Amino acid sequence: RSEHNLNYWQFGDYLGIGAGAHGK
C-alpha cells in the first residue's frame, strides 16, 4: 500500500512545499 496516501486518507498531517502545494 501507499503509506503516504494512507496518511492522507486517515486524516494525518502533511507539510506542503512548492508552487501550489497544500498542507494540513
PDBML (XML) file of the C-alpha atoms, coordinates in Angstrom:
<?xml version="1.0" encoding="UTF-8" ?>
<PDBx:datablock datablockName="MODEL"
   xmlns:PDBx="http://pdbml.pdb.org/schema/pdbx-v50.xsd"
   xmlns:xsi="http://www.w3.org/2001/XMLSchema-instance"
   xsi:schemaLocation="http://pdbml.pdb.org/schema/pdbx-v50.xsd pdbx-v50.xsd">
   <PDBx:atom_siteCategory>
      <PDBx:atom_site id="1">
         <PDBx:B_iso_or_equiv>0.00</PDBx:B_iso_or_equiv>
         <PDBx:Cartn_x>0.000</PDBx:Cartn_x>
         <PDBx:Cartn_y>0.000</PDBx:Cartn_y>
         <PDBx:Cartn_z>0.000</PDBx:Cartn_z>
         <PDBx:auth_asym_id>A</PDBx:auth_asym_id>
         <PDBx:auth_atom_id>CA</PDBx:auth_atom_id>
         <PDBx:auth_comp_id>ARG</PDBx:auth_comp_id>
         <PDBx:auth_seq_id>1</PDBx:auth_seq_id>
         <PDBx:group_PDB>ATOM</PDBx:group_PDB>
         <PDBx:label_alt_id xsi:nil="true" />
         <PDBx:label_asym_id>A</PDBx:label_asym_id>
         <PDBx:label_atom_id>CA</PDBx:label_atom_id>
         <PDBx:label_comp_id>ARG</PDBx:label_comp_id>
         <PDBx:label_entity_id>1</PDBx:label_entity_id>
         <PDBx:label_seq_id>1</PDBx:label_seq_id>
         <PDBx:occupancy>1.00</PDBx:occupancy>
         <PDBx:pdbx_PDB_model_num>1</PDBx:pdbx_PDB_model_num>
         <PDBx:type_symbol>C</PDBx:type_symbol>
      </PDBx:atom_site>
      <PDBx:atom_site id="2">
         <PDBx:B_iso_or_equiv>0.00</PDBx:B_iso_or_equiv>
         <PDBx:Cartn_x>0.982</PDBx:Cartn_x>
         <PDBx:Cartn_y>3.637</PDBx:Cartn_y>
         <PDBx:Cartn_z>-0.432</PDBx:Cartn_z>
         <PDBx:auth_asym_id>A</PDBx:auth_asym_id>
         <PDBx:auth_atom_id>CA</PDBx:auth_atom_id>
         <PDBx:auth_comp_id>SER</PDBx:auth_comp_id>
         <PDBx:auth_seq_id>2</PDBx:auth_seq_id>
         <PDBx:group_PDB>ATOM</PDBx:group_PDB>
         <PDBx:label_alt_id xsi:nil="true" />
         <PDBx:label_asym_id>A</PDBx:label_asym_id>
         <PDBx:label_atom_id>CA</PDBx:label_atom_id>
         <PDBx:label_comp_id>SER</PDBx:label_comp_id>
         <PDBx:label_entity_id>1</PDBx:label_entity_id>
         <PDBx:label_seq_id>2</PDBx:label_seq_id>
         <PDBx:occupancy>1.00</PDBx:occupancy>
         <PDBx:pdbx_PDB_model_num>1</PDBx:pdbx_PDB_model_num>
         <PDBx:type_symbol>C</PDBx:type_symbol>
      </PDBx:atom_site>
      <PDBx:atom_site id="3">
         <PDBx:B_iso_or_equiv>0.00</PDBx:B_iso_or_equiv>
         <PDBx:Cartn_x>1.909</PDBx:Cartn_x>
         <PDBx:Cartn_y>4.754</PDBx:Cartn_y>
         <PDBx:Cartn_z>3.079</PDBx:Cartn_z>
         <PDBx:auth_asym_id>A</PDBx:auth_asym_id>
         <PDBx:auth_atom_id>CA</PDBx:auth_atom_id>
         <PDBx:auth_comp_id>GLU</PDBx:auth_comp_id>
         <PDBx:auth_seq_id>3</PDBx:auth_seq_id>
         <PDBx:group_PDB>ATOM</PDBx:group_PDB>
         <PDBx:label_alt_id xsi:nil="true" />
         <PDBx:label_asym_id>A</PDBx:label_asym_id>
         <PDBx:label_atom_id>CA</PDBx:label_atom_id>
         <PDBx:label_comp_id>GLU</PDBx:label_comp_id>
         <PDBx:label_entity_id>1</PDBx:label_entity_id>
         <PDBx:label_seq_id>3</PDBx:label_seq_id>
         <PDBx:occupancy>1.00</PDBx:occupancy>
         <PDBx:pdbx_PDB_model_num>1</PDBx:pdbx_PDB_model_num>
         <PDBx:type_symbol>C</PDBx:type_symbol>
      </PDBx:atom_site>
      <PDBx:atom_site id="4">
         <PDBx:B_iso_or_equiv>0.00</PDBx:B_iso_or_equiv>
         <PDBx:Cartn_x>1.856</PDBx:Cartn_x>
         <PDBx:Cartn_y>8.409</PDBx:Cartn_y>
         <PDBx:Cartn_z>2.051</PDBx:Cartn_z>
         <PDBx:auth_asym_id>A</PDBx:auth_asym_id>
         <PDBx:auth_atom_id>CA</PDBx:auth_atom_id>
         <PDBx:auth_comp_id>HIS</PDBx:auth_comp_id>
         <PDBx:auth_seq_id>4</PDBx:auth_seq_id>
         <PDBx:group_PDB>ATOM</PDBx:group_PDB>
         <PDBx:label_alt_id xsi:nil="true" />
         <PDBx:label_asym_id>A</PDBx:label_asym_id>
         <PDBx:label_atom_id>CA</PDBx:label_atom_id>
         <PDBx:label_comp_id>HIS</PDBx:label_comp_id>
         <PDBx:label_entity_id>1</PDBx:label_entity_id>
         <PDBx:label_seq_id>4</PDBx:label_seq_id>
         <PDBx:occupancy>1.00</PDBx:occupancy>
         <PDBx:pdbx_PDB_model_num>1</PDBx:pdbx_PDB_model_num>
         <PDBx:type_symbol>C</PDBx:type_symbol>
      </PDBx:atom_site>
      <PDBx:atom_site id="5">
         <PDBx:B_iso_or_equiv>0.00</PDBx:B_iso_or_equiv>
         <PDBx:Cartn_x>-1.658</PDBx:Cartn_x>
         <PDBx:Cartn_y>8.239</PDBx:Cartn_y>
         <PDBx:Cartn_z>0.659</PDBx:Cartn_z>
         <PDBx:auth_asym_id>A</PDBx:auth_asym_id>
         <PDBx:auth_atom_id>CA</PDBx:auth_atom_id>
         <PDBx:auth_comp_id>ASN</PDBx:auth_comp_id>
         <PDBx:auth_seq_id>5</PDBx:auth_seq_id>
         <PDBx:group_PDB>ATOM</PDBx:group_PDB>
         <PDBx:label_alt_id xsi:nil="true" />
         <PDBx:label_asym_id>A</PDBx:label_asym_id>
         <PDBx:label_atom_id>CA</PDBx:label_atom_id>
         <PDBx:label_comp_id>ASN</PDBx:label_comp_id>
         <PDBx:label_entity_id>1</PDBx:label_entity_id>
         <PDBx:label_seq_id>5</PDBx:label_seq_id>
         <PDBx:occupancy>1.00</PDBx:occupancy>
         <PDBx:pdbx_PDB_model_num>1</PDBx:pdbx_PDB_model_num>
         <PDBx:type_symbol>C</PDBx:type_symbol>
      </PDBx:atom_site>
      <PDBx:atom_site id="6">
         <PDBx:B_iso_or_equiv>0.00</PDBx:B_iso_or_equiv>
         <PDBx:Cartn_x>-2.841</PDBx:Cartn_x>
         <PDBx:Cartn_y>6.209</PDBx:Cartn_y>
         <PDBx:Cartn_z>3.633</PDBx:Cartn_z>
         <PDBx:auth_asym_id>A</PDBx:auth_asym_id>
         <PDBx:auth_atom_id>CA</PDBx:auth_atom_id>
         <PDBx:auth_comp_id>LEU</PDBx:auth_comp_id>
         <PDBx:auth_seq_id>6</PDBx:auth_seq_id>
         <PDBx:group_PDB>ATOM</PDBx:group_PDB>
         <PDBx:label_alt_id xsi:nil="true" />
         <PDBx:label_asym_id>A</PDBx:label_asym_id>
         <PDBx:label_atom_id>CA</PDBx:label_atom_id>
         <PDBx:label_comp_id>LEU</PDBx:label_comp_id>
         <PDBx:label_entity_id>1</PDBx:label_entity_id>
         <PDBx:label_seq_id>6</PDBx:label_seq_id>
         <PDBx:occupancy>1.00</PDBx:occupancy>
         <PDBx:pdbx_PDB_model_num>1</PDBx:pdbx_PDB_model_num>
         <PDBx:type_symbol>C</PDBx:type_symbol>
      </PDBx:atom_site>
      <PDBx:atom_site id="7">
         <PDBx:B_iso_or_equiv>0.00</PDBx:B_iso_or_equiv>
         <PDBx:Cartn_x>-1.773</PDBx:Cartn_x>
         <PDBx:Cartn_y>9.106</PDBx:Cartn_y>
         <PDBx:Cartn_z>5.839</PDBx:Cartn_z>
         <PDBx:auth_asym_id>A</PDBx:auth_asym_id>
         <PDBx:auth_atom_id>CA</PDBx:auth_atom_id>
         <PDBx:auth_comp_id>ASN</PDBx:auth_comp_id>
         <PDBx:auth_seq_id>7</PDBx:auth_seq_id>
         <PDBx:group_PDB>ATOM</PDBx:group_PDB>
         <PDBx:label_alt_id xsi:nil="true" />
         <PDBx:label_asym_id>A</PDBx:label_asym_id>
         <PDBx:label_atom_id>CA</PDBx:label_atom_id>
         <PDBx:label_comp_id>ASN</PDBx:label_comp_id>
         <PDBx:label_entity_id>1</PDBx:label_entity_id>
         <PDBx:label_seq_id>7</PDBx:label_seq_id>
         <PDBx:occupancy>1.00</PDBx:occupancy>
         <PDBx:pdbx_PDB_model_num>1</PDBx:pdbx_PDB_model_num>
         <PDBx:type_symbol>C</PDBx:type_symbol>
      </PDBx:atom_site>
      <PDBx:atom_site id="8">
         <PDBx:B_iso_or_equiv>0.00</PDBx:B_iso_or_equiv>
         <PDBx:Cartn_x>-3.965</PDBx:Cartn_x>
         <PDBx:Cartn_y>11.441</PDBx:Cartn_y>
         <PDBx:Cartn_z>3.763</PDBx:Cartn_z>
         <PDBx:auth_asym_id>A</PDBx:auth_asym_id>
         <PDBx:auth_atom_id>CA</PDBx:auth_atom_id>
         <PDBx:auth_comp_id>TYR</PDBx:auth_comp_id>
         <PDBx:auth_seq_id>8</PDBx:auth_seq_id>
         <PDBx:group_PDB>ATOM</PDBx:group_PDB>
         <PDBx:label_alt_id xsi:nil="true" />
         <PDBx:label_asym_id>A</PDBx:label_asym_id>
         <PDBx:label_atom_id>CA</PDBx:label_atom_id>
         <PDBx:label_comp_id>TYR</PDBx:label_comp_id>
         <PDBx:label_entity_id>1</PDBx:label_entity_id>
         <PDBx:label_seq_id>8</PDBx:label_seq_id>
         <PDBx:occupancy>1.00</PDBx:occupancy>
         <PDBx:pdbx_PDB_model_num>1</PDBx:pdbx_PDB_model_num>
         <PDBx:type_symbol>C</PDBx:type_symbol>
      </PDBx:atom_site>
      <PDBx:atom_site id="9">
         <PDBx:B_iso_or_equiv>0.00</PDBx:B_iso_or_equiv>
         <PDBx:Cartn_x>-6.936</PDBx:Cartn_x>
         <PDBx:Cartn_y>9.086</PDBx:Cartn_y>
         <PDBx:Cartn_z>3.940</PDBx:Cartn_z>
         <PDBx:auth_asym_id>A</PDBx:auth_asym_id>
         <PDBx:auth_atom_id>CA</PDBx:auth_atom_id>
         <PDBx:auth_comp_id>TRP</PDBx:auth_comp_id>
         <PDBx:auth_seq_id>9</PDBx:auth_seq_id>
         <PDBx:group_PDB>ATOM</PDBx:group_PDB>
         <PDBx:label_alt_id xsi:nil="true" />
         <PDBx:label_asym_id>A</PDBx:label_asym_id>
         <PDBx:label_atom_id>CA</PDBx:label_atom_id>
         <PDBx:label_comp_id>TRP</PDBx:label_comp_id>
         <PDBx:label_entity_id>1</PDBx:label_entity_id>
         <PDBx:label_seq_id>9</PDBx:label_seq_id>
         <PDBx:occupancy>1.00</PDBx:occupancy>
         <PDBx:pdbx_PDB_model_num>1</PDBx:pdbx_PDB_model_num>
         <PDBx:type_symbol>C</PDBx:type_symbol>
      </PDBx:atom_site>
      <PDBx:atom_site id="10">
         <PDBx:B_iso_or_equiv>0.00</PDBx:B_iso_or_equiv>
         <PDBx:Cartn_x>-6.562</PDBx:Cartn_x>
         <PDBx:Cartn_y>8.596</PDBx:Cartn_y>
         <PDBx:Cartn_z>7.694</PDBx:Cartn_z>
         <PDBx:auth_asym_id>A</PDBx:auth_asym_id>
         <PDBx:auth_atom_id>CA</PDBx:auth_atom_id>
         <PDBx:auth_comp_id>GLN</PDBx:auth_comp_id>
         <PDBx:auth_seq_id>10</PDBx:auth_seq_id>
         <PDBx:group_PDB>ATOM</PDBx:group_PDB>
         <PDBx:label_alt_id xsi:nil="true" />
         <PDBx:label_asym_id>A</PDBx:label_asym_id>
         <PDBx:label_atom_id>CA</PDBx:label_atom_id>
         <PDBx:label_comp_id>GLN</PDBx:label_comp_id>
         <PDBx:label_entity_id>1</PDBx:label_entity_id>
         <PDBx:label_seq_id>10</PDBx:label_seq_id>
         <PDBx:occupancy>1.00</PDBx:occupancy>
         <PDBx:pdbx_PDB_model_num>1</PDBx:pdbx_PDB_model_num>
         <PDBx:type_symbol>C</PDBx:type_symbol>
      </PDBx:atom_site>
      <PDBx:atom_site id="11">
         <PDBx:B_iso_or_equiv>0.00</PDBx:B_iso_or_equiv>
         <PDBx:Cartn_x>-6.590</PDBx:Cartn_x>
         <PDBx:Cartn_y>12.379</PDBx:Cartn_y>
         <PDBx:Cartn_z>8.213</PDBx:Cartn_z>
         <PDBx:auth_asym_id>A</PDBx:auth_asym_id>
         <PDBx:auth_atom_id>CA</PDBx:auth_atom_id>
         <PDBx:auth_comp_id>PHE</PDBx:auth_comp_id>
         <PDBx:auth_seq_id>11</PDBx:auth_seq_id>
         <PDBx:group_PDB>ATOM</PDBx:group_PDB>
         <PDBx:label_alt_id xsi:nil="true" />
         <PDBx:label_asym_id>A</PDBx:label_asym_id>
         <PDBx:label_atom_id>CA</PDBx:label_atom_id>
         <PDBx:label_comp_id>PHE</PDBx:label_comp_id>
         <PDBx:label_entity_id>1</PDBx:label_entity_id>
         <PDBx:label_seq_id>11</PDBx:label_seq_id>
         <PDBx:occupancy>1.00</PDBx:occupancy>
         <PDBx:pdbx_PDB_model_num>1</PDBx:pdbx_PDB_model_num>
         <PDBx:type_symbol>C</PDBx:type_symbol>
      </PDBx:atom_site>
      <PDBx:atom_site id="12">
         <PDBx:B_iso_or_equiv>0.00</PDBx:B_iso_or_equiv>
         <PDBx:Cartn_x>-2.904</PDBx:Cartn_x>
         <PDBx:Cartn_y>12.614</PDBx:Cartn_y>
         <PDBx:Cartn_z>9.036</PDBx:Cartn_z>
         <PDBx:auth_asym_id>A</PDBx:auth_asym_id>
         <PDBx:auth_atom_id>CA</PDBx:auth_atom_id>
         <PDBx:auth_comp_id>GLY</PDBx:auth_comp_id>
         <PDBx:auth_seq_id>12</PDBx:auth_seq_id>
         <PDBx:group_PDB>ATOM</PDBx:group_PDB>
         <PDBx:label_alt_id xsi:nil="true" />
         <PDBx:label_asym_id>A</PDBx:label_asym_id>
         <PDBx:label_atom_id>CA</PDBx:label_atom_id>
         <PDBx:label_comp_id>GLY</PDBx:label_comp_id>
         <PDBx:label_entity_id>1</PDBx:label_entity_id>
         <PDBx:label_seq_id>12</PDBx:label_seq_id>
         <PDBx:occupancy>1.00</PDBx:occupancy>
         <PDBx:pdbx_PDB_model_num>1</PDBx:pdbx_PDB_model_num>
         <PDBx:type_symbol>C</PDBx:type_symbol>
      </PDBx:atom_site>
      <PDBx:atom_site id="13">
         <PDBx:B_iso_or_equiv>0.00</PDBx:B_iso_or_equiv>
         <PDBx:Cartn_x>-0.884</PDBx:Cartn_x>
         <PDBx:Cartn_y>15.824</PDBx:Cartn_y>
         <PDBx:Cartn_z>8.814</PDBx:Cartn_z>
         <PDBx:auth_asym_id>A</PDBx:auth_asym_id>
         <PDBx:auth_atom_id>CA</PDBx:auth_atom_id>
         <PDBx:auth_comp_id>ASP</PDBx:auth_comp_id>
         <PDBx:auth_seq_id>13</PDBx:auth_seq_id>
         <PDBx:group_PDB>ATOM</PDBx:group_PDB>
         <PDBx:label_alt_id xsi:nil="true" />
         <PDBx:label_asym_id>A</PDBx:label_asym_id>
         <PDBx:label_atom_id>CA</PDBx:label_atom_id>
         <PDBx:label_comp_id>ASP</PDBx:label_comp_id>
         <PDBx:label_entity_id>1</PDBx:label_entity_id>
         <PDBx:label_seq_id>13</PDBx:label_seq_id>
         <PDBx:occupancy>1.00</PDBx:occupancy>
         <PDBx:pdbx_PDB_model_num>1</PDBx:pdbx_PDB_model_num>
         <PDBx:type_symbol>C</PDBx:type_symbol>
      </PDBx:atom_site>
      <PDBx:atom_site id="14">
         <PDBx:B_iso_or_equiv>0.00</PDBx:B_iso_or_equiv>
         <PDBx:Cartn_x>1.375</PDBx:Cartn_x>
         <PDBx:Cartn_y>16.932</PDBx:Cartn_y>
         <PDBx:Cartn_z>5.975</PDBx:Cartn_z>
         <PDBx:auth_asym_id>A</PDBx:auth_asym_id>
         <PDBx:auth_atom_id>CA</PDBx:auth_atom_id>
         <PDBx:auth_comp_id>TYR</PDBx:auth_comp_id>
         <PDBx:auth_seq_id>14</PDBx:auth_seq_id>
         <PDBx:group_PDB>ATOM</PDBx:group_PDB>
         <PDBx:label_alt_id xsi:nil="true" />
         <PDBx:label_asym_id>A</PDBx:label_asym_id>
         <PDBx:label_atom_id>CA</PDBx:label_atom_id>
         <PDBx:label_comp_id>TYR</PDBx:label_comp_id>
         <PDBx:label_entity_id>1</PDBx:label_entity_id>
         <PDBx:label_seq_id>14</PDBx:label_seq_id>
         <PDBx:occupancy>1.00</PDBx:occupancy>
         <PDBx:pdbx_PDB_model_num>1</PDBx:pdbx_PDB_model_num>
         <PDBx:type_symbol>C</PDBx:type_symbol>
      </PDBx:atom_site>
      <PDBx:atom_site id="15">
         <PDBx:B_iso_or_equiv>0.00</PDBx:B_iso_or_equiv>
         <PDBx:Cartn_x>3.615</PDBx:Cartn_x>
         <PDBx:Cartn_y>19.821</PDBx:Cartn_y>
         <PDBx:Cartn_z>5.111</PDBx:Cartn_z>
         <PDBx:auth_asym_id>A</PDBx:auth_asym_id>
         <PDBx:auth_atom_id>CA</PDBx:auth_atom_id>
         <PDBx:auth_comp_id>LEU</PDBx:auth_comp_id>
         <PDBx:auth_seq_id>15</PDBx:auth_seq_id>
         <PDBx:group_PDB>ATOM</PDBx:group_PDB>
         <PDBx:label_alt_id xsi:nil="true" />
         <PDBx:label_asym_id>A</PDBx:label_asym_id>
         <PDBx:label_atom_id>CA</PDBx:label_atom_id>
         <PDBx:label_comp_id>LEU</PDBx:label_comp_id>
         <PDBx:label_entity_id>1</PDBx:label_entity_id>
         <PDBx:label_seq_id>15</PDBx:label_seq_id>
         <PDBx:occupancy>1.00</PDBx:occupancy>
         <PDBx:pdbx_PDB_model_num>1</PDBx:pdbx_PDB_model_num>
         <PDBx:type_symbol>C</PDBx:type_symbol>
      </PDBx:atom_site>
      <PDBx:atom_site id="16">
         <PDBx:B_iso_or_equiv>0.00</PDBx:B_iso_or_equiv>
         <PDBx:Cartn_x>3.271</PDBx:Cartn_x>
         <PDBx:Cartn_y>21.167</PDBx:Cartn_y>
         <PDBx:Cartn_z>1.571</PDBx:Cartn_z>
         <PDBx:auth_asym_id>A</PDBx:auth_asym_id>
         <PDBx:auth_atom_id>CA</PDBx:auth_atom_id>
         <PDBx:auth_comp_id>GLY</PDBx:auth_comp_id>
         <PDBx:auth_seq_id>16</PDBx:auth_seq_id>
         <PDBx:group_PDB>ATOM</PDBx:group_PDB>
         <PDBx:label_alt_id xsi:nil="true" />
         <PDBx:label_asym_id>A</PDBx:label_asym_id>
         <PDBx:label_atom_id>CA</PDBx:label_atom_id>
         <PDBx:label_comp_id>GLY</PDBx:label_comp_id>
         <PDBx:label_entity_id>1</PDBx:label_entity_id>
         <PDBx:label_seq_id>16</PDBx:label_seq_id>
         <PDBx:occupancy>1.00</PDBx:occupancy>
         <PDBx:pdbx_PDB_model_num>1</PDBx:pdbx_PDB_model_num>
         <PDBx:type_symbol>C</PDBx:type_symbol>
      </PDBx:atom_site>
      <PDBx:atom_site id="17">
         <PDBx:B_iso_or_equiv>0.00</PDBx:B_iso_or_equiv>
         <PDBx:Cartn_x>6.181</PDBx:Cartn_x>
         <PDBx:Cartn_y>22.883</PDBx:Cartn_y>
         <PDBx:Cartn_z>-0.173</PDBx:Cartn_z>
         <PDBx:auth_asym_id>A</PDBx:auth_asym_id>
         <PDBx:auth_atom_id>CA</PDBx:auth_atom_id>
         <PDBx:auth_comp_id>ILE</PDBx:auth_comp_id>
         <PDBx:auth_seq_id>17</PDBx:auth_seq_id>
         <PDBx:group_PDB>ATOM</PDBx:group_PDB>
         <PDBx:label_alt_id xsi:nil="true" />
         <PDBx:label_asym_id>A</PDBx:label_asym_id>
         <PDBx:label_atom_id>CA</PDBx:label_atom_id>
         <PDBx:label_comp_id>ILE</PDBx:label_comp_id>
         <PDBx:label_entity_id>1</PDBx:label_entity_id>
         <PDBx:label_seq_id>17</PDBx:label_seq_id>
         <PDBx:occupancy>1.00</PDBx:occupancy>
         <PDBx:pdbx_PDB_model_num>1</PDBx:pdbx_PDB_model_num>
         <PDBx:type_symbol>C</PDBx:type_symbol>
      </PDBx:atom_site>
      <PDBx:atom_site id="18">
         <PDBx:B_iso_or_equiv>0.00</PDBx:B_iso_or_equiv>
         <PDBx:Cartn_x>6.401</PDBx:Cartn_x>
         <PDBx:Cartn_y>24.140</PDBx:Cartn_y>
         <PDBx:Cartn_z>-3.742</PDBx:Cartn_z>
         <PDBx:auth_asym_id>A</PDBx:auth_asym_id>
         <PDBx:auth_atom_id>CA</PDBx:auth_atom_id>
         <PDBx:auth_comp_id>GLY</PDBx:auth_comp_id>
         <PDBx:auth_seq_id>18</PDBx:auth_seq_id>
         <PDBx:group_PDB>ATOM</PDBx:group_PDB>
         <PDBx:label_alt_id xsi:nil="true" />
         <PDBx:label_asym_id>A</PDBx:label_asym_id>
         <PDBx:label_atom_id>CA</PDBx:label_atom_id>
         <PDBx:label_comp_id>GLY</PDBx:label_comp_id>
         <PDBx:label_entity_id>1</PDBx:label_entity_id>
         <PDBx:label_seq_id>18</PDBx:label_seq_id>
         <PDBx:occupancy>1.00</PDBx:occupancy>
         <PDBx:pdbx_PDB_model_num>1</PDBx:pdbx_PDB_model_num>
         <PDBx:type_symbol>C</PDBx:type_symbol>
      </PDBx:atom_site>
      <PDBx:atom_site id="19">
         <PDBx:B_iso_or_equiv>0.00</PDBx:B_iso_or_equiv>
         <PDBx:Cartn_x>4.203</PDBx:Cartn_x>
         <PDBx:Cartn_y>26.249</PDBx:Cartn_y>
         <PDBx:Cartn_z>-6.016</PDBx:Cartn_z>
         <PDBx:auth_asym_id>A</PDBx:auth_asym_id>
         <PDBx:auth_atom_id>CA</PDBx:auth_atom_id>
         <PDBx:auth_comp_id>ALA</PDBx:auth_comp_id>
         <PDBx:auth_seq_id>19</PDBx:auth_seq_id>
         <PDBx:group_PDB>ATOM</PDBx:group_PDB>
         <PDBx:label_alt_id xsi:nil="true" />
         <PDBx:label_asym_id>A</PDBx:label_asym_id>
         <PDBx:label_atom_id>CA</PDBx:label_atom_id>
         <PDBx:label_comp_id>ALA</PDBx:label_comp_id>
         <PDBx:label_entity_id>1</PDBx:label_entity_id>
         <PDBx:label_seq_id>19</PDBx:label_seq_id>
         <PDBx:occupancy>1.00</PDBx:occupancy>
         <PDBx:pdbx_PDB_model_num>1</PDBx:pdbx_PDB_model_num>
         <PDBx:type_symbol>C</PDBx:type_symbol>
      </PDBx:atom_site>
      <PDBx:atom_site id="20">
         <PDBx:B_iso_or_equiv>0.00</PDBx:B_iso_or_equiv>
         <PDBx:Cartn_x>0.562</PDBx:Cartn_x>
         <PDBx:Cartn_y>25.500</PDBx:Cartn_y>
         <PDBx:Cartn_z>-5.254</PDBx:Cartn_z>
         <PDBx:auth_asym_id>A</PDBx:auth_asym_id>
         <PDBx:auth_atom_id>CA</PDBx:auth_atom_id>
         <PDBx:auth_comp_id>GLY</PDBx:auth_comp_id>
         <PDBx:auth_seq_id>20</PDBx:auth_seq_id>
         <PDBx:group_PDB>ATOM</PDBx:group_PDB>
         <PDBx:label_alt_id xsi:nil="true" />
         <PDBx:label_asym_id>A</PDBx:label_asym_id>
         <PDBx:label_atom_id>CA</PDBx:label_atom_id>
         <PDBx:label_comp_id>GLY</PDBx:label_comp_id>
         <PDBx:label_entity_id>1</PDBx:label_entity_id>
         <PDBx:label_seq_id>20</PDBx:label_seq_id>
         <PDBx:occupancy>1.00</PDBx:occupancy>
         <PDBx:pdbx_PDB_model_num>1</PDBx:pdbx_PDB_model_num>
         <PDBx:type_symbol>C</PDBx:type_symbol>
      </PDBx:atom_site>
      <PDBx:atom_site id="21">
         <PDBx:B_iso_or_equiv>0.00</PDBx:B_iso_or_equiv>
         <PDBx:Cartn_x>1.376</PDBx:Cartn_x>
         <PDBx:Cartn_y>22.876</PDBx:Cartn_y>
         <PDBx:Cartn_z>-2.593</PDBx:Cartn_z>
         <PDBx:auth_asym_id>A</PDBx:auth_asym_id>
         <PDBx:auth_atom_id>CA</PDBx:auth_atom_id>
         <PDBx:auth_comp_id>ALA</PDBx:auth_comp_id>
         <PDBx:auth_seq_id>21</PDBx:auth_seq_id>
         <PDBx:group_PDB>ATOM</PDBx:group_PDB>
         <PDBx:label_alt_id xsi:nil="true" />
         <PDBx:label_asym_id>A</PDBx:label_asym_id>
         <PDBx:label_atom_id>CA</PDBx:label_atom_id>
         <PDBx:label_comp_id>ALA</PDBx:label_comp_id>
         <PDBx:label_entity_id>1</PDBx:label_entity_id>
         <PDBx:label_seq_id>21</PDBx:label_seq_id>
         <PDBx:occupancy>1.00</PDBx:occupancy>
         <PDBx:pdbx_PDB_model_num>1</PDBx:pdbx_PDB_model_num>
         <PDBx:type_symbol>C</PDBx:type_symbol>
      </PDBx:atom_site>
      <PDBx:atom_site id="22">
         <PDBx:B_iso_or_equiv>0.00</PDBx:B_iso_or_equiv>
         <PDBx:Cartn_x>-1.154</PDBx:Cartn_x>
         <PDBx:Cartn_y>22.367</PDBx:Cartn_y>
         <PDBx:Cartn_z>0.196</PDBx:Cartn_z>
         <PDBx:auth_asym_id>A</PDBx:auth_asym_id>
         <PDBx:auth_atom_id>CA</PDBx:auth_atom_id>
         <PDBx:auth_comp_id>HIS</PDBx:auth_comp_id>
         <PDBx:auth_seq_id>22</PDBx:auth_seq_id>
         <PDBx:group_PDB>ATOM</PDBx:group_PDB>
         <PDBx:label_alt_id xsi:nil="true" />
         <PDBx:label_asym_id>A</PDBx:label_asym_id>
         <PDBx:label_atom_id>CA</PDBx:label_atom_id>
         <PDBx:label_comp_id>HIS</PDBx:label_comp_id>
         <PDBx:label_entity_id>1</PDBx:label_entity_id>
         <PDBx:label_seq_id>22</PDBx:label_seq_id>
         <PDBx:occupancy>1.00</PDBx:occupancy>
         <PDBx:pdbx_PDB_model_num>1</PDBx:pdbx_PDB_model_num>
         <PDBx:type_symbol>C</PDBx:type_symbol>
      </PDBx:atom_site>
      <PDBx:atom_site id="23">
         <PDBx:B_iso_or_equiv>0.00</PDBx:B_iso_or_equiv>
         <PDBx:Cartn_x>-0.509</PDBx:Cartn_x>
         <PDBx:Cartn_y>21.312</PDBx:Cartn_y>
         <PDBx:Cartn_z>3.776</PDBx:Cartn_z>
         <PDBx:auth_asym_id>A</PDBx:auth_asym_id>
         <PDBx:auth_atom_id>CA</PDBx:auth_atom_id>
         <PDBx:auth_comp_id>GLY</PDBx:auth_comp_id>
         <PDBx:auth_seq_id>23</PDBx:auth_seq_id>
         <PDBx:group_PDB>ATOM</PDBx:group_PDB>
         <PDBx:label_alt_id xsi:nil="true" />
         <PDBx:label_asym_id>A</PDBx:label_asym_id>
         <PDBx:label_atom_id>CA</PDBx:label_atom_id>
         <PDBx:label_comp_id>GLY</PDBx:label_comp_id>
         <PDBx:label_entity_id>1</PDBx:label_entity_id>
         <PDBx:label_seq_id>23</PDBx:label_seq_id>
         <PDBx:occupancy>1.00</PDBx:occupancy>
         <PDBx:pdbx_PDB_model_num>1</PDBx:pdbx_PDB_model_num>
         <PDBx:type_symbol>C</PDBx:type_symbol>
      </PDBx:atom_site>
      <PDBx:atom_site id="24">
         <PDBx:B_iso_or_equiv>0.00</PDBx:B_iso_or_equiv>
         <PDBx:Cartn_x>-2.562</PDBx:Cartn_x>
         <PDBx:Cartn_y>20.390</PDBx:Cartn_y>
         <PDBx:Cartn_z>6.846</PDBx:Cartn_z>
         <PDBx:auth_asym_id>A</PDBx:auth_asym_id>
         <PDBx:auth_atom_id>CA</PDBx:auth_atom_id>
         <PDBx:auth_comp_id>LYS</PDBx:auth_comp_id>
         <PDBx:auth_seq_id>24</PDBx:auth_seq_id>
         <PDBx:group_PDB>ATOM</PDBx:group_PDB>
         <PDBx:label_alt_id xsi:nil="true" />
         <PDBx:label_asym_id>A</PDBx:label_asym_id>
         <PDBx:label_atom_id>CA</PDBx:label_atom_id>
         <PDBx:label_comp_id>LYS</PDBx:label_comp_id>
         <PDBx:label_entity_id>1</PDBx:label_entity_id>
         <PDBx:label_seq_id>24</PDBx:label_seq_id>
         <PDBx:occupancy>1.00</PDBx:occupancy>
         <PDBx:pdbx_PDB_model_num>1</PDBx:pdbx_PDB_model_num>
         <PDBx:type_symbol>C</PDBx:type_symbol>
      </PDBx:atom_site>
   </PDBx:atom_siteCategory>
</PDBx:datablock>
